Amino acid sequence: MTQDKETDHEPDAFDAVASSPQRDGATVMPSLQGQLLLASPHIGDERFEKSVILMCHHDSNSAMGLIINKRTSNLNLGDLYEKLDIGAPRFCAGNPVHIGGPVDSNRGFVLHSQDHMLPDSMQVTHDIGLTASIDILRDITEGIGPIQSIVSLGCAGWSAGQLDQEISENVWLNLPASAPLVFDYDRDTLWEQGFAALGIDPGFFAGTAGSA
């Protein structure tokens, strides 16, 4: 499963996403960037039980994604703005903050529609972007940000080859992401809807199903 990363300092929320150097000689499956991962019903890790993860990065050195169907129980955007000293929000104060994963839980990420890309935004799919700058939070609260967005704290991360191994063991199933799946579907039933899109009943899942 994903491992919590040890750091020498406490990262501030919405630090930029850093990329790691490529390892020579590593071989991996085709990149899963832009795919949704559905946790196996038998995943055996409560942090990822019924999780749906949008993969934002995947190469031979590492992989990173954000859980999109788990929300914090006691933190909304208004609370987050207060913690970050952004000021009183004009818009979206009641929107939920999502739990992106157990890695770097003080670091913030925004998945969003590509109608509002900043200089440090990265393209995840042809219509979904990722930004880790606090500037996008300011734009959201001013009402000039992206039309659709998911604000998350933390992420899910894998070391070299780890995700590939988990996929081969059917720890995760994958299917292509789309903006409607990521932003519009009911978060509470998204995991079940993902299995339905694959034509699989999770109640009968035996760990032998493949990917879409």
Protein backbone atom coordinates (compact mmCIF):
# COMPACT_ATOMS: atom_id res chain seq x y z
CA MET A 1 0.00 0.00 0.00
CA THR A 2 1.01 3.62 -0.15
CA GLN A 3 3.59 4.66 2.39
CA ASP A 4 3.75 7.86 4.44
CA LYS A 5 6.81 9.84 3.42
CA GLU A 6 9.31 11.01 6.02
CA THR A 7 10.47 14.63 5.64
CA ASP A 8 12.96 16.79 7.49
CA HIS A 9 10.54 19.69 7.73
CA GLU A 10 6.82 20.28 8.05
CA PRO A 11 5.61 21.28 4.57
CA ASP A 12 3.31 24.27 4.29
CA ALA A 13 -0.10 23.81 2.71
CA PHE A 14 -0.09 24.26 -1.04
CA ASP A 15 3.64 23.77 -1.54
CA ALA A 16 4.46 23.14 -5.19
CA VAL A 17 4.52 19.53 -6.35
CA ALA A 18 8.13 18.46 -6.86
CA SER A 19 9.10 15.85 -9.40
CA SER A 20 11.83 13.28 -8.78
CA PRO A 21 14.59 12.24 -11.18
CA GLN A 22 14.02 9.26 -13.44
CA ARG A 23 15.75 6.03 -12.54
CA ASP A 24 17.78 4.42 -15.28
CA GLY A 25 16.86 0.92 -16.33
CA ALA A 26 13.45 0.86 -14.63
CA THR A 27 10.60 -0.73 -16.55
CA VAL A 28 6.99 -0.04 -15.73
CA MET A 29 3.56 -0.60 -17.20
CA PRO A 30 2.09 2.18 -19.37
CA SER A 31 1.51 5.33 -17.35
CA LEU A 32 -1.70 5.41 -15.34
CA GLN A 33 -1.79 9.21 -15.29
CA GLY A 34 -5.36 10.30 -16.02
CA GLN A 35 -6.83 7.00 -14.82
CA LEU A 36 -9.10 6.39 -11.86
CA LEU A 37 -8.03 3.68 -9.42
CA LEU A 38 -10.77 1.78 -7.58
CA ALA A 39 -9.73 0.09 -4.36
CA SER A 40 -10.34 -3.65 -4.25
CA PRO A 41 -13.11 -4.67 -1.83
CA HIS A 42 -10.39 -6.72 -0.09
CA ILE A 43 -7.77 -3.95 0.05
CA GLY A 44 -7.12 -4.53 3.77
CA ASP A 45 -6.21 -0.90 4.56
CA GLU A 46 -8.92 1.26 6.13
CA ARG A 47 -7.24 4.44 4.81
CA PHE A 48 -8.13 3.34 1.29
CA GLU A 49 -11.34 1.40 1.85
CA LYS A 50 -13.71 2.12 -1.07
CA SER A 51 -11.33 4.83 -2.30
CA VAL A 52 -11.39 6.28 -5.79
CA ILE A 53 -8.05 7.87 -6.72
CA LEU A 54 -7.34 10.11 -9.70
CA MET A 55 -3.78 9.40 -10.83
CA CYS A 56 -1.94 12.66 -11.43
CA HIS A 57 1.54 11.25 -12.09
CA HIS A 58 3.01 7.82 -12.83
CA ASP A 59 6.42 6.92 -14.23
CA SER A 60 9.20 4.45 -13.50
CA ASN A 61 10.38 6.42 -10.47
CA SER A 62 7.17 7.20 -8.59
CA ALA A 63 3.41 7.61 -8.72
CA MET A 64 1.07 10.12 -7.12
CA GLY A 65 -2.69 10.50 -7.02
CA LEU A 66 -5.53 12.10 -5.04
CA ILE A 67 -8.47 10.37 -3.38
CA ILE A 68 -11.56 12.17 -4.69
CA ASN A 69 -14.40 10.55 -2.71
CA LYS A 70 -13.40 11.19 0.92
CA ARG A 71 -14.09 14.46 2.70
CA THR A 72 -12.97 15.85 6.03
CA SER A 73 -15.69 15.87 8.65
CA ASN A 74 -14.82 19.16 10.33
CA LEU A 75 -13.09 21.40 7.76
CA ASN A 76 -14.56 23.44 4.92
CA LEU A 77 -12.96 26.01 2.62
CA GLY A 78 -13.86 28.86 4.95
CA ASP A 79 -11.97 27.15 7.77
CA LEU A 80 -9.01 26.50 5.47
CA TYR A 81 -8.89 30.14 4.35
CA GLU A 82 -8.79 31.17 8.01
CA LYS A 83 -5.95 28.74 8.76
CA LEU A 84 -3.98 30.03 5.76
CA ASP A 85 -4.75 33.67 6.65
CA ILE A 86 -6.25 34.31 3.22
CA GLY A 87 -9.09 36.39 4.61
CA ALA A 88 -12.84 35.98 4.71
CA PRO A 89 -14.01 34.07 1.63
CA ARG A 90 -16.51 35.74 -0.70
CA PHE A 91 -17.47 32.49 -2.44
CA CYS A 92 -17.46 28.74 -1.78
CA ALA A 93 -16.82 29.05 1.99
CA GLY A 94 -19.04 26.05 2.72
CA ASN A 95 -17.44 23.75 0.16
CA PRO A 96 -15.82 20.63 1.66
CA VAL A 97 -12.11 19.96 1.92
CA HIS A 98 -11.20 16.47 0.72
CA ILE A 99 -8.73 13.99 2.16
CA GLY A 100 -6.38 13.41 -0.76
CA GLY A 101 -4.40 10.67 0.99
CA PRO A 102 -2.11 9.92 3.93
CA VAL A 103 1.10 11.35 2.41
CA ASP A 104 2.05 14.99 3.13
CA SER A 105 -1.24 15.69 4.90
CA ASN A 106 -0.35 19.39 5.37
CA ARG A 107 0.19 19.91 1.65
CA GLY A 108 -2.72 21.11 -0.44
CA PHE A 109 -3.77 20.27 -3.99
CA VAL A 110 -6.60 21.48 -6.20
CA LEU A 111 -7.99 19.34 -9.00
CA HIS A 112 -9.94 21.56 -11.34
CA SER A 113 -11.41 22.12 -14.77
CA GLN A 114 -8.95 23.57 -17.26
CA ASP A 115 -10.84 26.82 -17.75
CA HIS A 116 -8.51 28.34 -15.12
CA MET A 117 -4.91 27.17 -15.46
CA LEU A 118 -2.13 29.03 -13.64
CA PRO A 119 1.55 29.10 -14.72
CA ASP A 120 2.40 26.26 -12.32
CA SER A 121 -0.70 24.17 -13.11
CA MET A 122 -0.15 20.76 -14.67
CA GLN A 123 -2.40 18.90 -17.08
CA VAL A 124 -3.68 15.59 -15.71
CA THR A 125 -6.08 14.80 -18.57
CA HIS A 126 -7.22 16.82 -21.57
CA ASP A 127 -9.85 18.53 -19.39
CA ILE A 128 -8.58 18.23 -15.78
CA GLY A 129 -5.73 20.23 -14.25
CA LEU A 130 -3.85 20.11 -10.95
CA THR A 131 -2.55 23.15 -9.09
CA ALA A 132 -0.66 23.21 -5.80
CA SER A 133 -0.35 26.99 -5.48
CA ILE A 134 -2.22 28.96 -2.85
CA ASP A 135 -3.03 31.48 -5.59
CA ILE A 136 -5.77 29.25 -6.93
CA LEU A 137 -7.49 29.29 -3.53
CA ARG A 138 -7.49 33.08 -3.64
CA ASP A 139 -9.04 32.96 -7.12
CA ILE A 140 -11.72 30.50 -5.97
CA THR A 141 -12.72 32.65 -3.01
CA GLU A 142 -12.82 35.74 -5.25
CA GLY A 143 -15.15 33.99 -7.67
CA ILE A 144 -12.67 34.04 -10.57
CA GLY A 145 -11.32 30.51 -10.19
CA PRO A 146 -12.15 27.33 -12.11
CA ILE A 147 -15.79 26.39 -12.62
CA GLN A 148 -15.21 22.96 -11.07
CA SER A 149 -12.69 22.11 -8.37
CA ILE A 150 -11.81 19.69 -5.59
CA VAL A 151 -9.61 21.04 -2.80
CA SER A 152 -7.64 18.35 -0.99
CA LEU A 153 -5.08 18.00 1.77
CA GLY A 154 -2.58 15.18 1.39
CA CYS A 155 -2.09 12.72 -1.43
CA ALA A 156 -1.41 9.05 -2.15
CA GLY A 157 2.13 8.13 -3.22
CA TRP A 158 4.00 5.07 -4.41
CA SER A 159 7.70 4.35 -4.80
CA ALA A 160 9.32 2.96 -7.96
CA GLY A 161 7.44 -0.08 -9.23
CA GLN A 162 5.15 -0.28 -6.20
CA LEU A 163 1.94 0.70 -7.94
CA ASP A 164 2.72 -1.59 -10.88
CA GLN A 165 3.03 -4.50 -8.45
CA GLU A 166 -0.23 -3.62 -6.70
CA ILE A 167 -2.05 -3.41 -10.05
CA SER A 168 -0.72 -6.85 -11.03
CA GLU A 169 -2.05 -8.21 -7.72
CA ASN A 170 -5.49 -6.62 -8.34
CA VAL A 171 -5.21 -4.36 -5.31
CA TRP A 172 -6.55 -1.65 -7.63
CA LEU A 173 -8.73 -1.67 -10.72
CA ASN A 174 -8.45 1.18 -13.19
CA LEU A 175 -10.62 2.96 -15.71
CA PRO A 176 -10.22 6.21 -17.67
CA ALA A 177 -11.07 9.39 -15.79
CA SER A 178 -13.41 12.04 -17.14
CA ALA A 179 -14.48 15.43 -15.83
CA PRO A 180 -18.04 14.20 -15.10
CA LEU A 181 -16.74 11.21 -13.13
CA VAL A 182 -14.34 13.39 -11.14
CA PHE A 183 -16.50 16.44 -10.49
CA ASP A 184 -20.18 15.60 -11.02
CA TYR A 185 -20.88 12.14 -9.66
CA ASP A 186 -22.10 11.59 -6.10
CA ARG A 187 -18.98 11.17 -3.95
CA ASP A 188 -20.80 8.83 -1.57
CA THR A 189 -21.53 6.29 -4.32
CA LEU A 190 -18.60 6.97 -6.70
CA TRP A 191 -16.78 3.74 -5.80
CA GLU A 192 -19.86 1.65 -6.58
CA GLN A 193 -20.46 3.61 -9.79
CA GLY A 194 -16.87 2.96 -10.86
CA PHE A 195 -17.38 -0.79 -10.47
CA ALA A 196 -20.66 -0.50 -12.38
CA ALA A 197 -18.81 1.25 -15.23
CA LEU A 198 -16.45 -1.74 -15.36
CA GLY A 199 -19.38 -4.16 -15.34
CA ILE A 200 -18.21 -5.73 -12.08
CA ASP A 201 -20.25 -6.41 -8.94
CA PRO A 202 -17.86 -5.65 -6.04
CA GLY A 203 -19.77 -8.18 -3.94
CA PHE A 204 -18.54 -10.94 -6.24
CA PHE A 205 -15.05 -9.54 -6.84
CA ALA A 206 -12.53 -12.36 -6.44
CA GLY A 207 -9.32 -10.48 -7.19
CA THR A 208 -9.04 -11.67 -10.78
CA ALA A 209 -10.60 -8.78 -12.67
CA GLY A 210 -8.49 -6.70 -15.02
CA SER A 211 -8.55 -3.05 -16.01
CA ALA A 212 -10.72 -1.21 -18.46
